């Protein structure tokens, strides 16, 4: 397992976290490999599905000799965080702000990215030791909310997630996002159902190209 600072740097360098939700265990490594080959370094398996820990461990083994980092999302409490960390998760995301989860990640040397919407939640997360903040759901408030948080709180690291797409990703980076999280906008579920990993790779590559274009402006 890479050190937390190295994991954080890989997430930021990649600029995007691919959210893998509801993918069958027998397909998860093929999907993760295809998306990684498209240029995505950070892969998130949501913990609200069946056998999430087994999926994380499988991806971790499959991509062990690459620059990929594997994490878990939709982690709602500290026991779940411990379970996915034991399986190999190198970063943990949540839709909410749970200080106990953040503190457990700190003790384990794992990157924590709690979900926030309000300044109060952001301050709570920062005081608990969060590595960056997941602004969720991002399209509810839009890119301007990043500046609204950073204005009174300083240069906090914000990763918008929820509704981010190639059509709006440049707006989020222009507003100050350090990275973005994306599900169906980067993961082609129709192609997965058809077993077409080439299309999975191409779909993810389109999102990566949009991110690179947004960050080069």
N, C-alpha and C. Protein backbone atom coordinates (compact mmCIF):
# COMPACT_ATOMS: atom_id res chain seq x y z
N UNK A 1 0.84 -1.20 0.00
CA UNK A 1 0.00 0.00 0.00
C UNK A 1 0.87 1.25 0.00
N UNK A 2 0.58 2.18 -0.91
CA UNK A 2 1.34 3.41 -1.00
C UNK A 2 1.02 4.32 0.19
N UNK A 3 1.97 5.22 0.51
CA UNK A 3 1.73 6.17 1.58
C UNK A 3 0.61 7.13 1.19
N UNK A 4 -0.07 7.67 2.19
CA UNK A 4 -1.23 8.52 1.94
C UNK A 4 -0.89 9.70 1.05
N UNK A 5 0.25 10.34 1.27
CA UNK A 5 0.61 11.49 0.45
C UNK A 5 0.79 11.09 -1.01
N UNK A 6 1.37 9.92 -1.25
CA UNK A 6 1.56 9.45 -2.62
C UNK A 6 0.22 9.13 -3.27
N UNK A 7 -0.70 8.55 -2.51
CA UNK A 7 -2.03 8.25 -3.03
C UNK A 7 -2.75 9.54 -3.39
N UNK A 8 -2.69 10.50 -2.50
CA UNK A 8 -3.33 11.79 -2.77
C UNK A 8 -2.76 12.43 -4.03
N UNK A 9 -1.46 12.37 -4.19
CA UNK A 9 -0.83 12.96 -5.37
C UNK A 9 -1.28 12.25 -6.65
N UNK A 10 -1.46 10.94 -6.59
CA UNK A 10 -1.91 10.22 -7.78
C UNK A 10 -3.34 10.61 -8.14
N UNK A 11 -4.18 10.80 -7.14
CA UNK A 11 -5.55 11.23 -7.40
C UNK A 11 -5.55 12.61 -8.06
N UNK A 12 -4.76 13.51 -7.51
CA UNK A 12 -4.71 14.87 -8.05
C UNK A 12 -4.09 14.88 -9.44
N UNK A 13 -3.02 14.12 -9.63
CA UNK A 13 -2.37 14.07 -10.94
C UNK A 13 -3.31 13.52 -12.01
N UNK A 14 -4.08 12.48 -11.64
CA UNK A 14 -5.04 11.90 -12.58
C UNK A 14 -6.17 12.87 -12.86
N UNK A 15 -6.61 13.57 -11.82
CA UNK A 15 -7.67 14.55 -11.97
C UNK A 15 -9.07 13.99 -11.91
N UNK A 16 -9.19 12.66 -11.83
CA UNK A 16 -10.52 12.06 -11.82
C UNK A 16 -10.50 10.76 -11.05
N UNK A 17 -11.58 10.53 -10.31
CA UNK A 17 -11.81 9.25 -9.65
C UNK A 17 -13.00 8.59 -10.35
N UNK A 18 -12.79 7.39 -10.87
CA UNK A 18 -13.86 6.65 -11.53
C UNK A 18 -14.64 5.85 -10.49
N UNK A 19 -15.95 6.07 -10.44
CA UNK A 19 -16.81 5.40 -9.46
C UNK A 19 -17.39 4.13 -10.08
N UNK A 20 -16.99 2.98 -9.54
CA UNK A 20 -17.44 1.69 -10.04
C UNK A 20 -18.55 1.18 -9.11
N UNK A 21 -19.78 1.25 -9.59
CA UNK A 21 -20.93 0.91 -8.74
C UNK A 21 -21.74 -0.23 -9.38
N UNK A 22 -22.01 -1.26 -8.59
CA UNK A 22 -22.91 -2.31 -9.04
C UNK A 22 -22.36 -3.20 -10.14
N UNK A 23 -21.06 -3.27 -10.28
CA UNK A 23 -20.45 -4.12 -11.31
C UNK A 23 -20.21 -5.51 -10.74
N UNK A 24 -20.57 -6.55 -11.50
CA UNK A 24 -20.43 -7.92 -11.03
C UNK A 24 -18.97 -8.26 -10.73
N UNK A 25 -18.79 -9.11 -9.75
CA UNK A 25 -17.44 -9.48 -9.33
C UNK A 25 -16.65 -10.12 -10.47
N UNK A 26 -17.31 -10.87 -11.34
CA UNK A 26 -16.59 -11.55 -12.41
C UNK A 26 -16.19 -10.60 -13.54
N UNK A 27 -16.66 -9.35 -13.49
CA UNK A 27 -16.29 -8.36 -14.50
C UNK A 27 -15.43 -7.23 -13.95
N UNK A 28 -15.35 -7.12 -12.64
CA UNK A 28 -14.77 -5.93 -12.04
C UNK A 28 -13.31 -5.69 -12.43
N UNK A 29 -12.52 -6.75 -12.51
CA UNK A 29 -11.10 -6.53 -12.85
C UNK A 29 -10.94 -6.13 -14.31
N UNK A 30 -11.75 -6.72 -15.20
CA UNK A 30 -11.68 -6.33 -16.61
C UNK A 30 -12.08 -4.87 -16.79
N UNK A 31 -13.14 -4.46 -16.10
CA UNK A 31 -13.59 -3.07 -16.19
C UNK A 31 -12.54 -2.13 -15.62
N UNK A 32 -12.02 -2.45 -14.46
CA UNK A 32 -11.00 -1.60 -13.83
C UNK A 32 -9.77 -1.48 -14.70
N UNK A 33 -9.36 -2.58 -15.32
CA UNK A 33 -8.19 -2.56 -16.20
C UNK A 33 -8.44 -1.67 -17.41
N UNK A 34 -9.61 -1.80 -18.02
CA UNK A 34 -9.93 -0.99 -19.19
C UNK A 34 -9.95 0.49 -18.85
N UNK A 35 -10.53 0.85 -17.72
CA UNK A 35 -10.61 2.26 -17.33
C UNK A 35 -9.22 2.78 -16.97
N UNK A 36 -8.42 1.96 -16.33
CA UNK A 36 -7.05 2.37 -16.03
C UNK A 36 -6.26 2.57 -17.31
N UNK A 37 -6.44 1.70 -18.27
CA UNK A 37 -5.73 1.84 -19.54
C UNK A 37 -6.16 3.10 -20.29
N UNK A 38 -7.35 3.60 -19.97
CA UNK A 38 -7.82 4.84 -20.58
C UNK A 38 -7.18 6.08 -19.97
N UNK A 39 -6.45 5.90 -18.88
CA UNK A 39 -5.76 7.02 -18.26
C UNK A 39 -6.24 7.41 -16.89
N UNK A 40 -7.12 6.60 -16.30
CA UNK A 40 -7.63 6.89 -14.96
C UNK A 40 -6.79 6.15 -13.92
N UNK A 41 -6.21 6.87 -13.01
CA UNK A 41 -5.36 6.26 -11.98
C UNK A 41 -6.15 5.83 -10.77
N UNK A 42 -7.18 6.59 -10.40
CA UNK A 42 -7.91 6.34 -9.16
C UNK A 42 -9.24 5.66 -9.44
N UNK A 43 -9.44 4.49 -8.85
CA UNK A 43 -10.62 3.67 -9.06
C UNK A 43 -11.33 3.44 -7.74
N UNK A 44 -12.60 3.81 -7.70
CA UNK A 44 -13.40 3.70 -6.48
C UNK A 44 -14.47 2.62 -6.62
N UNK A 45 -14.46 1.67 -5.70
CA UNK A 45 -15.52 0.66 -5.65
C UNK A 45 -16.47 1.06 -4.53
N UNK A 46 -17.75 1.18 -4.84
CA UNK A 46 -18.69 1.61 -3.81
C UNK A 46 -18.97 0.48 -2.82
N UNK A 47 -19.00 0.84 -1.56
CA UNK A 47 -19.14 -0.15 -0.48
C UNK A 47 -20.58 -0.54 -0.21
N UNK A 48 -21.53 0.05 -0.96
CA UNK A 48 -22.92 -0.28 -0.72
C UNK A 48 -23.38 -1.48 -1.55
N UNK A 49 -22.48 -2.07 -2.34
CA UNK A 49 -22.82 -3.25 -3.13
C UNK A 49 -22.33 -4.52 -2.47
N UNK A 50 -22.74 -5.66 -3.03
CA UNK A 50 -22.34 -6.95 -2.48
C UNK A 50 -20.85 -7.23 -2.74
N UNK A 51 -20.21 -7.81 -1.76
CA UNK A 51 -18.82 -8.28 -1.87
C UNK A 51 -17.87 -7.16 -2.31
N UNK A 52 -18.09 -5.96 -1.77
CA UNK A 52 -17.25 -4.82 -2.13
C UNK A 52 -15.79 -5.06 -1.75
N UNK A 53 -15.57 -5.64 -0.57
CA UNK A 53 -14.19 -5.88 -0.14
C UNK A 53 -13.48 -6.85 -1.08
N UNK A 54 -14.20 -7.87 -1.53
CA UNK A 54 -13.60 -8.84 -2.45
C UNK A 54 -13.27 -8.18 -3.78
N UNK A 55 -14.12 -7.27 -4.23
CA UNK A 55 -13.86 -6.56 -5.49
C UNK A 55 -12.64 -5.65 -5.36
N UNK A 56 -12.54 -4.96 -4.25
CA UNK A 56 -11.38 -4.10 -4.01
C UNK A 56 -10.10 -4.92 -4.01
N UNK A 57 -10.13 -6.05 -3.30
CA UNK A 57 -8.95 -6.91 -3.23
C UNK A 57 -8.58 -7.44 -4.60
N UNK A 58 -9.58 -7.78 -5.42
CA UNK A 58 -9.31 -8.31 -6.76
C UNK A 58 -8.66 -7.26 -7.65
N UNK A 59 -9.16 -6.03 -7.61
CA UNK A 59 -8.56 -4.96 -8.41
C UNK A 59 -7.15 -4.67 -7.91
N UNK A 60 -6.98 -4.65 -6.61
CA UNK A 60 -5.67 -4.39 -6.02
C UNK A 60 -4.64 -5.40 -6.51
N UNK A 61 -5.04 -6.65 -6.57
CA UNK A 61 -4.12 -7.69 -7.07
C UNK A 61 -3.86 -7.52 -8.56
N UNK A 62 -4.92 -7.25 -9.33
CA UNK A 62 -4.81 -7.18 -10.78
C UNK A 62 -3.92 -6.02 -11.23
N UNK A 63 -4.00 -4.89 -10.52
CA UNK A 63 -3.28 -3.69 -10.93
C UNK A 63 -2.12 -3.37 -10.00
N UNK A 64 -1.65 -4.37 -9.29
CA UNK A 64 -0.61 -4.16 -8.28
C UNK A 64 0.68 -3.58 -8.86
N UNK A 65 1.00 -3.91 -10.09
CA UNK A 65 2.26 -3.46 -10.69
C UNK A 65 2.09 -2.22 -11.55
N UNK A 66 1.00 -1.49 -11.35
CA UNK A 66 0.75 -0.26 -12.10
C UNK A 66 0.71 0.92 -11.15
N UNK A 67 0.40 2.10 -11.71
CA UNK A 67 0.28 3.30 -10.88
C UNK A 67 -1.13 3.50 -10.34
N UNK A 68 -1.99 2.51 -10.54
CA UNK A 68 -3.38 2.63 -10.08
C UNK A 68 -3.47 2.65 -8.56
N UNK A 69 -4.44 3.40 -8.05
CA UNK A 69 -4.77 3.37 -6.64
C UNK A 69 -6.25 3.01 -6.53
N UNK A 70 -6.55 2.12 -5.62
CA UNK A 70 -7.90 1.58 -5.48
C UNK A 70 -8.49 2.03 -4.16
N UNK A 71 -9.70 2.53 -4.20
CA UNK A 71 -10.34 2.99 -2.98
C UNK A 71 -11.77 2.51 -2.87
N UNK A 72 -12.44 2.98 -1.85
CA UNK A 72 -13.84 2.61 -1.60
C UNK A 72 -14.66 3.87 -1.44
N UNK A 73 -15.90 3.81 -1.94
CA UNK A 73 -16.81 4.93 -1.80
C UNK A 73 -18.10 4.51 -1.10
N UNK A 74 -18.95 5.50 -0.84
CA UNK A 74 -20.20 5.28 -0.11
C UNK A 74 -19.92 4.58 1.22
N UNK A 75 -18.87 5.02 1.90
CA UNK A 75 -18.50 4.47 3.20
C UNK A 75 -19.14 5.34 4.28
N UNK A 76 -20.09 4.78 4.99
CA UNK A 76 -20.92 5.57 5.90
C UNK A 76 -20.50 5.54 7.36
N UNK A 77 -19.56 4.64 7.71
CA UNK A 77 -19.17 4.56 9.11
C UNK A 77 -17.77 3.99 9.23
N UNK A 78 -17.22 4.07 10.44
CA UNK A 78 -15.85 3.62 10.69
C UNK A 78 -15.68 2.11 10.50
N UNK A 79 -16.61 1.26 10.96
CA UNK A 79 -16.43 -0.19 10.74
C UNK A 79 -16.35 -0.55 9.26
N UNK A 80 -17.17 0.09 8.43
CA UNK A 80 -17.09 -0.17 6.99
C UNK A 80 -15.75 0.29 6.44
N UNK A 81 -15.29 1.44 6.91
CA UNK A 81 -13.98 1.94 6.49
C UNK A 81 -12.88 0.94 6.83
N UNK A 82 -12.95 0.39 8.03
CA UNK A 82 -11.93 -0.59 8.43
C UNK A 82 -11.98 -1.82 7.53
N UNK A 83 -13.19 -2.26 7.18
CA UNK A 83 -13.35 -3.44 6.34
C UNK A 83 -12.72 -3.24 4.96
N UNK A 84 -12.97 -2.09 4.34
CA UNK A 84 -12.43 -1.88 3.00
C UNK A 84 -10.93 -1.60 3.04
N UNK A 85 -10.47 -0.99 4.11
CA UNK A 85 -9.02 -0.78 4.26
C UNK A 85 -8.32 -2.12 4.40
N UNK A 86 -8.90 -3.02 5.17
CA UNK A 86 -8.32 -4.36 5.30
C UNK A 86 -8.26 -5.08 3.95
N UNK A 87 -9.19 -4.75 3.06
CA UNK A 87 -9.22 -5.37 1.73
C UNK A 87 -8.24 -4.74 0.77
N UNK A 88 -7.65 -3.60 1.15
CA UNK A 88 -6.66 -2.96 0.30
C UNK A 88 -7.00 -1.56 -0.16
N UNK A 89 -8.12 -0.98 0.29
CA UNK A 89 -8.49 0.37 -0.12
C UNK A 89 -7.43 1.37 0.35
N UNK A 90 -6.99 2.22 -0.59
CA UNK A 90 -5.97 3.21 -0.28
C UNK A 90 -6.55 4.61 -0.11
N UNK A 91 -7.83 4.76 -0.43
CA UNK A 91 -8.54 6.00 -0.13
C UNK A 91 -10.00 5.64 0.12
N UNK A 92 -10.64 6.47 0.92
CA UNK A 92 -12.03 6.21 1.33
C UNK A 92 -12.84 7.47 1.13
N UNK A 93 -13.95 7.32 0.39
CA UNK A 93 -14.87 8.43 0.18
C UNK A 93 -16.20 8.16 0.86
N UNK A 94 -16.88 9.25 1.20
CA UNK A 94 -18.20 9.13 1.82
C UNK A 94 -19.11 10.19 1.24
N UNK A 95 -20.41 9.95 1.22
CA UNK A 95 -21.35 10.97 0.78
C UNK A 95 -21.63 12.01 1.85
N UNK A 96 -21.20 11.70 3.09
CA UNK A 96 -21.46 12.59 4.23
C UNK A 96 -20.16 12.85 4.98
N UNK A 97 -20.30 13.64 6.03
CA UNK A 97 -19.14 13.98 6.86
C UNK A 97 -19.23 13.23 8.18
N UNK A 98 -18.41 12.21 8.33
CA UNK A 98 -18.39 11.39 9.54
C UNK A 98 -17.00 11.47 10.16
N UNK A 99 -16.82 12.26 11.22
CA UNK A 99 -15.48 12.41 11.82
C UNK A 99 -14.86 11.09 12.25
N UNK A 100 -15.67 10.12 12.72
CA UNK A 100 -15.10 8.84 13.14
C UNK A 100 -14.45 8.11 11.97
N UNK A 101 -15.07 8.19 10.80
CA UNK A 101 -14.49 7.57 9.62
C UNK A 101 -13.17 8.26 9.24
N UNK A 102 -13.18 9.58 9.29
CA UNK A 102 -11.98 10.34 8.94
C UNK A 102 -10.83 10.00 9.90
N UNK A 103 -11.14 9.98 11.19
CA UNK A 103 -10.11 9.70 12.19
C UNK A 103 -9.56 8.28 12.05
N UNK A 104 -10.41 7.32 11.72
CA UNK A 104 -9.93 5.95 11.51
C UNK A 104 -8.98 5.90 10.32
N UNK A 105 -9.35 6.58 9.23
CA UNK A 105 -8.46 6.62 8.07
C UNK A 105 -7.12 7.24 8.42
N UNK A 106 -7.13 8.29 9.22
CA UNK A 106 -5.88 8.91 9.64
C UNK A 106 -5.01 7.93 10.41
N UNK A 107 -5.61 7.18 11.31
CA UNK A 107 -4.84 6.20 12.09
C UNK A 107 -4.26 5.10 11.20
N UNK A 108 -4.99 4.76 10.14
CA UNK A 108 -4.55 3.69 9.25
C UNK A 108 -3.65 4.20 8.12
N UNK A 109 -3.45 5.49 8.03
CA UNK A 109 -2.61 6.04 6.97
C UNK A 109 -3.27 5.99 5.61
N UNK A 110 -4.59 6.15 5.57
CA UNK A 110 -5.37 6.06 4.34
C UNK A 110 -6.02 7.41 4.06
N UNK A 111 -6.04 7.81 2.80
CA UNK A 111 -6.63 9.09 2.40
C UNK A 111 -8.13 9.08 2.65
N UNK A 112 -8.64 10.13 3.29
CA UNK A 112 -10.08 10.25 3.55
C UNK A 112 -10.65 11.43 2.77
N UNK A 113 -11.80 11.19 2.13
CA UNK A 113 -12.45 12.22 1.32
C UNK A 113 -13.94 12.22 1.68
N UNK A 114 -14.31 12.88 2.76
CA UNK A 114 -15.72 12.91 3.18
C UNK A 114 -16.55 13.84 2.30
N UNK A 115 -17.85 13.59 2.28
CA UNK A 115 -18.76 14.43 1.52
C UNK A 115 -19.20 15.64 2.33
N UNK A 116 -19.18 16.80 1.69
CA UNK A 116 -19.62 18.03 2.36
C UNK A 116 -20.47 18.86 1.40
N UNK A 117 -21.27 19.71 1.95
CA UNK A 117 -22.05 20.68 1.16
C UNK A 117 -21.96 22.06 1.78
N UNK A 118 -22.01 22.13 3.10
CA UNK A 118 -22.04 23.42 3.79
C UNK A 118 -20.68 23.77 4.39
N UNK A 119 -20.45 25.05 4.69
CA UNK A 119 -19.22 25.43 5.38
C UNK A 119 -19.05 24.70 6.71
N UNK A 120 -20.14 24.49 7.44
CA UNK A 120 -20.05 23.78 8.72
C UNK A 120 -19.52 22.37 8.52
N UNK A 121 -20.05 21.65 7.53
CA UNK A 121 -19.57 20.30 7.24
C UNK A 121 -18.11 20.33 6.80
N UNK A 122 -17.75 21.33 6.00
CA UNK A 122 -16.36 21.43 5.53
C UNK A 122 -15.41 21.65 6.70
N UNK A 123 -15.76 22.52 7.61
CA UNK A 123 -14.90 22.78 8.78
C UNK A 123 -14.83 21.54 9.66
N UNK A 124 -15.94 20.86 9.86
CA UNK A 124 -15.93 19.63 10.65
C UNK A 124 -14.99 18.60 10.04
N UNK A 125 -15.04 18.45 8.73
CA UNK A 125 -14.18 17.49 8.05
C UNK A 125 -12.71 17.88 8.16
N UNK A 126 -12.43 19.17 7.97
CA UNK A 126 -11.05 19.63 8.04
C UNK A 126 -10.48 19.47 9.44
N UNK A 127 -11.28 19.78 10.44
CA UNK A 127 -10.80 19.65 11.82
C UNK A 127 -10.55 18.19 12.20
N UNK A 128 -11.31 17.28 11.57
CA UNK A 128 -11.11 15.85 11.84
C UNK A 128 -9.90 15.29 11.11
N UNK A 129 -9.37 16.05 10.13
CA UNK A 129 -8.17 15.63 9.44
C UNK A 129 -8.37 15.11 8.03
N UNK A 130 -9.47 15.49 7.37
CA UNK A 130 -9.73 15.02 6.01
C UNK A 130 -8.64 15.49 5.06
N UNK A 131 -8.33 14.65 4.08
CA UNK A 131 -7.29 14.98 3.11
C UNK A 131 -7.81 15.89 2.00
N UNK A 132 -9.05 15.71 1.61
CA UNK A 132 -9.72 16.62 0.68
C UNK A 132 -11.22 16.48 0.90
N UNK A 133 -11.99 17.36 0.30
CA UNK A 133 -13.43 17.39 0.53
C UNK A 133 -14.16 17.02 -0.75
N UNK A 134 -15.11 16.10 -0.63
CA UNK A 134 -15.95 15.70 -1.75
C UNK A 134 -17.22 16.56 -1.73
N UNK A 135 -17.32 17.48 -2.67
CA UNK A 135 -18.52 18.32 -2.75
C UNK A 135 -19.60 17.50 -3.46
N UNK A 136 -20.62 17.11 -2.68
CA UNK A 136 -21.61 16.17 -3.19
C UNK A 136 -23.00 16.51 -2.68
N UNK A 137 -24.00 16.45 -3.56
CA UNK A 137 -23.93 16.25 -5.02
C UNK A 137 -23.59 17.57 -5.73
N UNK A 138 -22.62 17.53 -6.59
CA UNK A 138 -22.03 18.75 -7.15
C UNK A 138 -23.00 19.56 -7.99
N UNK A 139 -23.82 18.89 -8.80
CA UNK A 139 -24.69 19.66 -9.69
C UNK A 139 -25.86 20.30 -8.96
N UNK A 140 -26.10 19.93 -7.72
CA UNK A 140 -27.16 20.58 -6.94
C UNK A 140 -26.83 22.05 -6.70
N UNK A 141 -25.54 22.32 -6.51
CA UNK A 141 -25.11 23.68 -6.19
C UNK A 141 -24.28 24.31 -7.31
N UNK A 142 -23.67 23.48 -8.16
CA UNK A 142 -22.91 23.98 -9.30
C UNK A 142 -21.49 24.37 -8.96
N UNK A 143 -20.68 24.65 -10.00
CA UNK A 143 -19.26 24.98 -9.80
C UNK A 143 -19.01 26.15 -8.88
N UNK A 144 -19.92 27.14 -8.90
CA UNK A 144 -19.71 28.32 -8.07
C UNK A 144 -19.64 28.03 -6.59
N UNK A 145 -20.15 26.88 -6.17
CA UNK A 145 -20.15 26.55 -4.74
C UNK A 145 -18.73 26.27 -4.24
N UNK A 146 -17.82 25.90 -5.15
CA UNK A 146 -16.43 25.68 -4.74
C UNK A 146 -15.86 26.97 -4.18
N UNK A 147 -16.02 28.05 -4.93
CA UNK A 147 -15.53 29.35 -4.47
C UNK A 147 -16.26 29.82 -3.23
N UNK A 148 -17.53 29.46 -3.12
CA UNK A 148 -18.29 29.86 -1.94
C UNK A 148 -17.74 29.21 -0.68
N UNK A 149 -17.24 27.98 -0.82
CA UNK A 149 -16.60 27.31 0.31
C UNK A 149 -15.19 27.85 0.56
N UNK A 150 -14.44 28.04 -0.52
CA UNK A 150 -13.05 28.46 -0.37
C UNK A 150 -12.93 29.90 0.10
N UNK A 151 -13.95 30.71 -0.21
CA UNK A 151 -13.89 32.12 0.19
C UNK A 151 -13.64 32.30 1.68
N UNK A 152 -14.51 31.77 2.55
CA UNK A 152 -14.30 31.93 3.99
C UNK A 152 -13.32 30.93 4.59
N UNK A 153 -13.08 29.80 3.92
CA UNK A 153 -12.29 28.72 4.53
C UNK A 153 -10.86 28.64 4.02
N UNK A 154 -10.54 29.40 2.99
CA UNK A 154 -9.19 29.34 2.46
C UNK A 154 -9.08 28.34 1.31
N UNK A 155 -7.86 27.99 0.97
CA UNK A 155 -7.60 27.16 -0.21
C UNK A 155 -7.80 25.68 0.12
N UNK A 156 -9.04 25.29 0.40
CA UNK A 156 -9.34 23.89 0.71
C UNK A 156 -9.43 23.10 -0.58
N UNK A 157 -9.06 21.83 -0.51
CA UNK A 157 -9.05 20.96 -1.68
C UNK A 157 -10.43 20.35 -1.87
N UNK A 158 -11.07 20.66 -2.98
CA UNK A 158 -12.45 20.24 -3.23
C UNK A 158 -12.51 19.33 -4.45
N UNK A 159 -13.20 18.19 -4.30
CA UNK A 159 -13.41 17.26 -5.41
C UNK A 159 -14.92 17.13 -5.65
N UNK A 160 -15.47 17.85 -6.62
CA UNK A 160 -16.89 17.73 -6.90
C UNK A 160 -17.24 16.36 -7.47
N UNK A 161 -18.36 15.82 -7.04
CA UNK A 161 -18.83 14.51 -7.49
C UNK A 161 -20.36 14.54 -7.54
N UNK A 162 -20.91 13.89 -8.56
CA UNK A 162 -22.36 13.86 -8.68
C UNK A 162 -22.82 14.75 -9.80
N UNK A 163 -22.95 14.19 -11.01
CA UNK A 163 -23.39 14.97 -12.15
C UNK A 163 -22.28 15.61 -12.95
N UNK A 164 -21.02 15.34 -12.62
CA UNK A 164 -19.91 15.88 -13.39
C UNK A 164 -19.81 15.09 -14.70
N UNK A 165 -19.67 15.81 -15.82
CA UNK A 165 -19.65 15.18 -17.14
C UNK A 165 -18.64 15.90 -18.02
N UNK A 166 -18.35 15.33 -19.22
CA UNK A 166 -17.46 16.05 -20.13
C UNK A 166 -17.97 17.43 -20.51
N UNK A 167 -19.27 17.62 -20.44
CA UNK A 167 -19.85 18.91 -20.83
C UNK A 167 -19.66 20.01 -19.79
N UNK A 168 -19.46 19.63 -18.53
CA UNK A 168 -19.32 20.67 -17.50
C UNK A 168 -18.03 20.58 -16.70
N UNK A 169 -17.18 19.59 -17.01
CA UNK A 169 -16.00 19.39 -16.18
C UNK A 169 -15.08 20.60 -16.20
N UNK A 170 -15.03 21.31 -17.34
CA UNK A 170 -14.16 22.48 -17.39
C UNK A 170 -14.63 23.57 -16.43
N UNK A 171 -15.96 23.67 -16.26
CA UNK A 171 -16.49 24.67 -15.32
C UNK A 171 -16.05 24.38 -13.88
N UNK A 172 -16.02 23.10 -13.52
CA UNK A 172 -15.62 22.74 -12.16
C UNK A 172 -14.13 22.99 -11.93
N UNK A 173 -13.30 22.67 -12.93
CA UNK A 173 -11.87 22.94 -12.75
C UNK A 173 -11.59 24.45 -12.78
N UNK A 174 -12.29 25.18 -13.63
CA UNK A 174 -12.12 26.63 -13.64
C UNK A 174 -12.48 27.24 -12.29
N UNK A 175 -13.45 26.60 -11.61
CA UNK A 175 -13.91 27.12 -10.31
C UNK A 175 -12.97 26.76 -9.17
N UNK A 176 -11.99 25.87 -9.42
CA UNK A 176 -11.02 25.54 -8.38
C UNK A 176 -10.98 24.11 -7.92
N UNK A 177 -11.67 23.20 -8.63
CA UNK A 177 -11.63 21.78 -8.24
C UNK A 177 -10.22 21.23 -8.37
N UNK A 178 -9.85 20.38 -7.42
CA UNK A 178 -8.53 19.74 -7.47
C UNK A 178 -8.59 18.43 -8.26
N UNK A 179 -9.78 17.83 -8.32
CA UNK A 179 -10.07 16.62 -9.08
C UNK A 179 -11.58 16.49 -9.12
N UNK A 180 -12.09 15.53 -9.89
CA UNK A 180 -13.53 15.30 -9.93
C UNK A 180 -13.80 13.81 -9.80
N UNK A 181 -14.99 13.48 -9.32
CA UNK A 181 -15.43 12.09 -9.28
C UNK A 181 -16.54 11.91 -10.29
N UNK A 182 -16.57 10.74 -10.95
CA UNK A 182 -17.58 10.51 -11.97
C UNK A 182 -17.96 9.04 -12.02
N UNK A 183 -19.26 8.80 -12.22
CA UNK A 183 -19.77 7.44 -12.34
C UNK A 183 -20.07 7.11 -13.79
N UNK A 184 -21.36 7.19 -14.17
CA UNK A 184 -21.76 6.79 -15.52
C UNK A 184 -21.16 7.68 -16.60
N UNK A 185 -20.74 8.88 -16.25
CA UNK A 185 -20.10 9.75 -17.24
C UNK A 185 -18.76 9.19 -17.70
N UNK A 186 -18.15 8.34 -16.89
CA UNK A 186 -16.87 7.75 -17.26
C UNK A 186 -16.94 6.23 -17.38
N UNK A 187 -17.95 5.62 -16.74
CA UNK A 187 -18.12 4.16 -16.76
C UNK A 187 -19.31 3.82 -17.65
N UNK A 188 -19.06 3.16 -18.77
CA UNK A 188 -20.11 2.82 -19.74
C UNK A 188 -20.78 1.51 -19.33
N UNK A 189 -21.91 1.61 -18.66
CA UNK A 189 -22.56 0.41 -18.14
C UNK A 189 -23.21 -0.43 -19.23
N UNK A 190 -23.64 0.19 -20.32
CA UNK A 190 -24.17 -0.60 -21.43
C UNK A 190 -23.07 -1.46 -22.05
N UNK A 191 -21.89 -0.89 -22.19
CA UNK A 191 -20.77 -1.64 -22.74
C UNK A 191 -20.35 -2.76 -21.79
N UNK A 192 -20.42 -2.51 -20.50
CA UNK A 192 -20.09 -3.54 -19.52
C UNK A 192 -21.06 -4.70 -19.64
N UNK A 193 -22.34 -4.38 -19.76
CA UNK A 193 -23.35 -5.43 -19.89
C UNK A 193 -23.13 -6.26 -21.15
N UNK A 194 -22.65 -5.61 -22.21
CA UNK A 194 -22.38 -6.31 -23.46
C UNK A 194 -21.02 -6.99 -23.47
N UNK A 195 -20.22 -6.76 -22.42
CA UNK A 195 -18.89 -7.36 -22.36
C UNK A 195 -17.90 -6.71 -23.30
N UNK A 196 -18.17 -5.47 -23.72
CA UNK A 196 -17.32 -4.78 -24.68
C UNK A 196 -16.33 -3.88 -23.94
N UNK A 197 -15.18 -4.44 -23.59
CA UNK A 197 -14.20 -3.68 -22.82
C UNK A 197 -13.50 -2.62 -23.67
N UNK A 198 -13.46 -2.81 -25.00
CA UNK A 198 -12.89 -1.77 -25.86
C UNK A 198 -13.73 -0.50 -25.76
N UNK A 199 -15.06 -0.65 -25.76
CA UNK A 199 -15.94 0.50 -25.63
C UNK A 199 -15.84 1.11 -24.23
N UNK A 200 -15.70 0.28 -23.22
CA UNK A 200 -15.49 0.79 -21.86
C UNK A 200 -14.26 1.67 -21.82
N UNK A 201 -13.21 1.20 -22.46
CA UNK A 201 -11.94 1.96 -22.50
C UNK A 201 -12.13 3.28 -23.26
N UNK A 202 -12.79 3.23 -24.41
CA UNK A 202 -12.97 4.42 -25.23
C UNK A 202 -13.84 5.46 -24.52
N UNK A 203 -14.89 4.99 -23.86
CA UNK A 203 -15.78 5.90 -23.13
C UNK A 203 -15.02 6.61 -22.01
N UNK A 204 -14.22 5.87 -21.28
CA UNK A 204 -13.43 6.47 -20.20
C UNK A 204 -12.39 7.43 -20.75
N UNK A 205 -11.80 7.08 -21.89
CA UNK A 205 -10.78 7.93 -22.49
C UNK A 205 -11.35 9.28 -22.90
N UNK A 206 -12.62 9.31 -23.33
CA UNK A 206 -13.26 10.57 -23.69
C UNK A 206 -13.36 11.50 -22.47
N UNK A 207 -13.68 10.91 -21.33
CA UNK A 207 -13.76 11.73 -20.12
C UNK A 207 -12.38 12.23 -19.72
N UNK A 208 -11.38 11.35 -19.81
CA UNK A 208 -10.01 11.74 -19.48
C UNK A 208 -9.55 12.88 -20.37
N UNK A 209 -9.88 12.82 -21.66
CA UNK A 209 -9.51 13.89 -22.58
C UNK A 209 -10.17 15.20 -22.18
N UNK A 210 -11.43 15.13 -21.75
CA UNK A 210 -12.13 16.33 -21.32
C UNK A 210 -11.47 16.93 -20.07
N UNK A 211 -11.06 16.09 -19.15
CA UNK A 211 -10.36 16.55 -17.95
C UNK A 211 -9.04 17.21 -18.32
N UNK A 212 -8.28 16.56 -19.19
CA UNK A 212 -6.98 17.13 -19.59
C UNK A 212 -7.15 18.46 -20.29
N UNK A 213 -8.18 18.57 -21.13
CA UNK A 213 -8.43 19.82 -21.82
C UNK A 213 -8.82 20.92 -20.83
N UNK A 214 -9.66 20.55 -19.85
CA UNK A 214 -10.09 21.53 -18.85
C UNK A 214 -8.92 22.03 -18.01
N UNK A 215 -8.01 21.15 -17.69
CA UNK A 215 -6.89 21.53 -16.82
C UNK A 215 -5.78 22.29 -17.56
N UNK A 216 -5.80 22.20 -18.89
CA UNK A 216 -4.76 22.87 -19.66
C UNK A 216 -5.13 24.30 -20.04
N UNK A 217 -6.36 24.71 -19.74
CA UNK A 217 -6.81 26.05 -20.10
C UNK A 217 -6.14 27.11 -19.24
